[in-house]
Structures are given as structure tokens and as C-alpha cells.
Amino acid sequence: MEINVIVIPNAKSSSITKIDEHHYKVKVDAPAVDGKANSRLIELLSDHFEVSKSKVRITKGSRNKVKTIAILEDA
């Protein structure tokens, strides 16, 4: 599965809001410094989709607020 995510770093608390089937807005309680926000994003999405962190990959936009995420499902 592939989704598009708008990331809001440095939020007071983390949350995931579904906009539609393939678009999400994710507030991350980590700063956008040294990949901390990306790491927290992967952690939140793996919990939300109930897959391991290794199954969540940022395929586009690793340095942008708008990212494309690939989520590999268990076979």
C-alpha cells in the first residue's frame, strides 16, 4: 500500500488524521532535526497500521513535509 502524508513536526502531541483512503495528516511530537521527525513518523504509522517498523518506508519526500510512504503488508 502507498499513502501520502502531510507531516507537522514539533507538535505538542502525536496524532494521525485520515483525510481520505490514501492521504493522511500526521502530527509528530519530534523536531525536524537529524531525522527525528521521520523516525517518529515511521513509529506512529507502524503502530497505526499494525505492522513492524521495518515494513514502513519513506519513498519520496524524506526532507519535505509532504511524503509518500510505502507500507508493506504481512504475507
C-alpha atoms as a PDB file:
ATOM      1  CA  MET A   1       0.000   0.000   0.000  1.00  0.00           C
ATOM      2  CA  GLU A   2       1.188   3.528  -0.716  1.00  0.00           C
ATOM      3  CA  ILE A   3      -0.070   6.622   1.105  1.00  0.00           C
ATOM      4  CA  ASN A   4       0.671  10.347   1.013  1.00  0.00           C
ATOM      5  CA  VAL A   5       1.323  12.043   4.332  1.00  0.00           C
ATOM      6  CA  ILE A   6       1.478  15.671   5.394  1.00  0.00           C
ATOM      7  CA  VAL A   7       3.774  15.829   8.414  1.00  0.00           C
ATOM      8  CA  ILE A   8       3.573  18.531  11.074  1.00  0.00           C
ATOM      9  CA  PRO A   9       6.741  18.314  13.194  1.00  0.00           C
ATOM     10  CA  ASN A  10       7.196  19.679  16.706  1.00  0.00           C
ATOM     11  CA  ALA A  11       3.538  19.233  17.668  1.00  0.00           C
ATOM     12  CA  LYS A  12       2.542  19.125  21.344  1.00  0.00           C
ATOM     13  CA  SER A  13       1.195  15.603  20.880  1.00  0.00           C
ATOM     14  CA  SER A  14       1.246  12.983  18.144  1.00  0.00           C
ATOM     15  CA  SER A  15      -1.847  12.142  16.130  1.00  0.00           C
ATOM     16  CA  ILE A  16      -2.890  10.643  12.803  1.00  0.00           C
ATOM     17  CA  THR A  17      -5.848  12.060  10.874  1.00  0.00           C
ATOM     18  CA  LYS A  18      -7.190  10.245   7.834  1.00  0.00           C
ATOM     19  CA  ILE A  19      -8.129  12.685   5.060  1.00  0.00           C
ATOM     20  CA  ASP A  20      -9.195  10.019   2.550  1.00  0.00           C
ATOM     21  CA  GLU A  21      -8.193   6.496   1.515  1.00  0.00           C
ATOM     22  CA  HIS A  22      -4.617   7.422   0.557  1.00  0.00           C
ATOM     23  CA  HIS A  23      -3.982  10.751   2.315  1.00  0.00           C
ATOM     24  CA  TYR A  24      -3.171  11.323   5.976  1.00  0.00           C
ATOM     25  CA  LYS A  25      -2.134  14.233   8.182  1.00  0.00           C
ATOM     26  CA  VAL A  26       0.287  13.272  10.939  1.00  0.00           C
ATOM     27  CA  LYS A  27       1.315  15.469  13.849  1.00  0.00           C
ATOM     28  CA  VAL A  28       4.670  14.366  15.236  1.00  0.00           C
ATOM     29  CA  ASP A  29       5.983  15.282  18.686  1.00  0.00           C
ATOM     30  CA  ALA A  30       9.591  15.391  17.459  1.00  0.00           C
ATOM     31  CA  PRO A  31      11.574  18.166  15.790  1.00  0.00           C
ATOM     32  CA  ALA A  32      12.526  18.034  12.109  1.00  0.00           C
ATOM     33  CA  VAL A  33      16.202  17.765  13.029  1.00  0.00           C
ATOM     34  CA  ASP A  34      18.585  14.867  12.306  1.00  0.00           C
ATOM     35  CA  GLY A  35      15.736  12.640  11.069  1.00  0.00           C
ATOM     36  CA  LYS A  36      13.951  12.598  14.436  1.00  0.00           C
ATOM     37  CA  ALA A  37      10.560  13.524  12.933  1.00  0.00           C
ATOM     38  CA  ASN A  38      10.923  10.859  10.227  1.00  0.00           C
ATOM     39  CA  SER A  39      11.793   8.206  12.815  1.00  0.00           C
ATOM     40  CA  ARG A  40       8.795   9.163  14.943  1.00  0.00           C
ATOM     41  CA  LEU A  41       6.579   9.191  11.826  1.00  0.00           C
ATOM     42  CA  ILE A  42       7.610   5.623  10.977  1.00  0.00           C
ATOM     43  CA  GLU A  43       6.956   4.572  14.580  1.00  0.00           C
ATOM     44  CA  LEU A  44       3.456   6.128  14.581  1.00  0.00           C
ATOM     45  CA  LEU A  45       2.484   4.674  11.203  1.00  0.00           C
ATOM     46  CA  SER A  46       3.707   1.190  12.144  1.00  0.00           C
ATOM     47  CA  ASP A  47       1.502   1.299  15.257  1.00  0.00           C
ATOM     48  CA  HIS A  48      -1.474   2.679  13.305  1.00  0.00           C
ATOM     49  CA  PHE A  49      -1.301   0.066  10.522  1.00  0.00           C
ATOM     50  CA  GLU A  50      -0.190  -2.699  12.922  1.00  0.00           C
ATOM     51  CA  VAL A  51       2.978  -3.649  11.053  1.00  0.00           C
ATOM     52  CA  SER A  52       6.598  -3.681  12.150  1.00  0.00           C
ATOM     53  CA  LYS A  53       8.687  -0.536  11.672  1.00  0.00           C
ATOM     54  CA  SER A  54      10.759  -2.304   9.015  1.00  0.00           C
ATOM     55  CA  LYS A  55       7.628  -2.538   6.821  1.00  0.00           C
ATOM     56  CA  VAL A  56       7.183   1.273   6.702  1.00  0.00           C
ATOM     57  CA  ARG A  57       9.404   3.174   4.264  1.00  0.00           C
ATOM     58  CA  ILE A  58       9.560   6.782   3.129  1.00  0.00           C
ATOM     59  CA  THR A  59       9.795   6.525  -0.658  1.00  0.00           C
ATOM     60  CA  LYS A  60       9.543  10.225  -1.568  1.00  0.00           C
ATOM     61  CA  GLY A  61       9.968  13.485   0.325  1.00  0.00           C
ATOM     62  CA  SER A  62      12.218  12.431   3.180  1.00  0.00           C
ATOM     63  CA  ARG A  63      13.237  16.099   3.615  1.00  0.00           C
ATOM     64  CA  ASN A  64       9.792  17.602   2.902  1.00  0.00           C
ATOM     65  CA  LYS A  65       6.564  17.945   4.860  1.00  0.00           C
ATOM     66  CA  VAL A  66       4.682  16.041   2.142  1.00  0.00           C
ATOM     67  CA  LYS A  67       5.885  12.456   1.938  1.00  0.00           C
ATOM     68  CA  THR A  68       4.989   9.283   0.085  1.00  0.00           C
ATOM     69  CA  ILE A  69       5.078   6.234   2.346  1.00  0.00           C
ATOM     70  CA  ALA A  70       5.139   2.586   1.311  1.00  0.00           C
ATOM     71  CA  ILE A  71       3.601   0.187   3.825  1.00  0.00           C
ATOM     72  CA  LEU A  72       4.417  -3.451   3.178  1.00  0.00           C
ATOM     73  CA  GLU A  73       1.771  -5.791   4.477  1.00  0.00           C
ATOM     74  CA  ASP A  74       2.462  -9.177   6.035  1.00  0.00           C
ATOM     75  CA  ALA A  75       2.008 -12.044   3.623  1.00  0.00           C
END
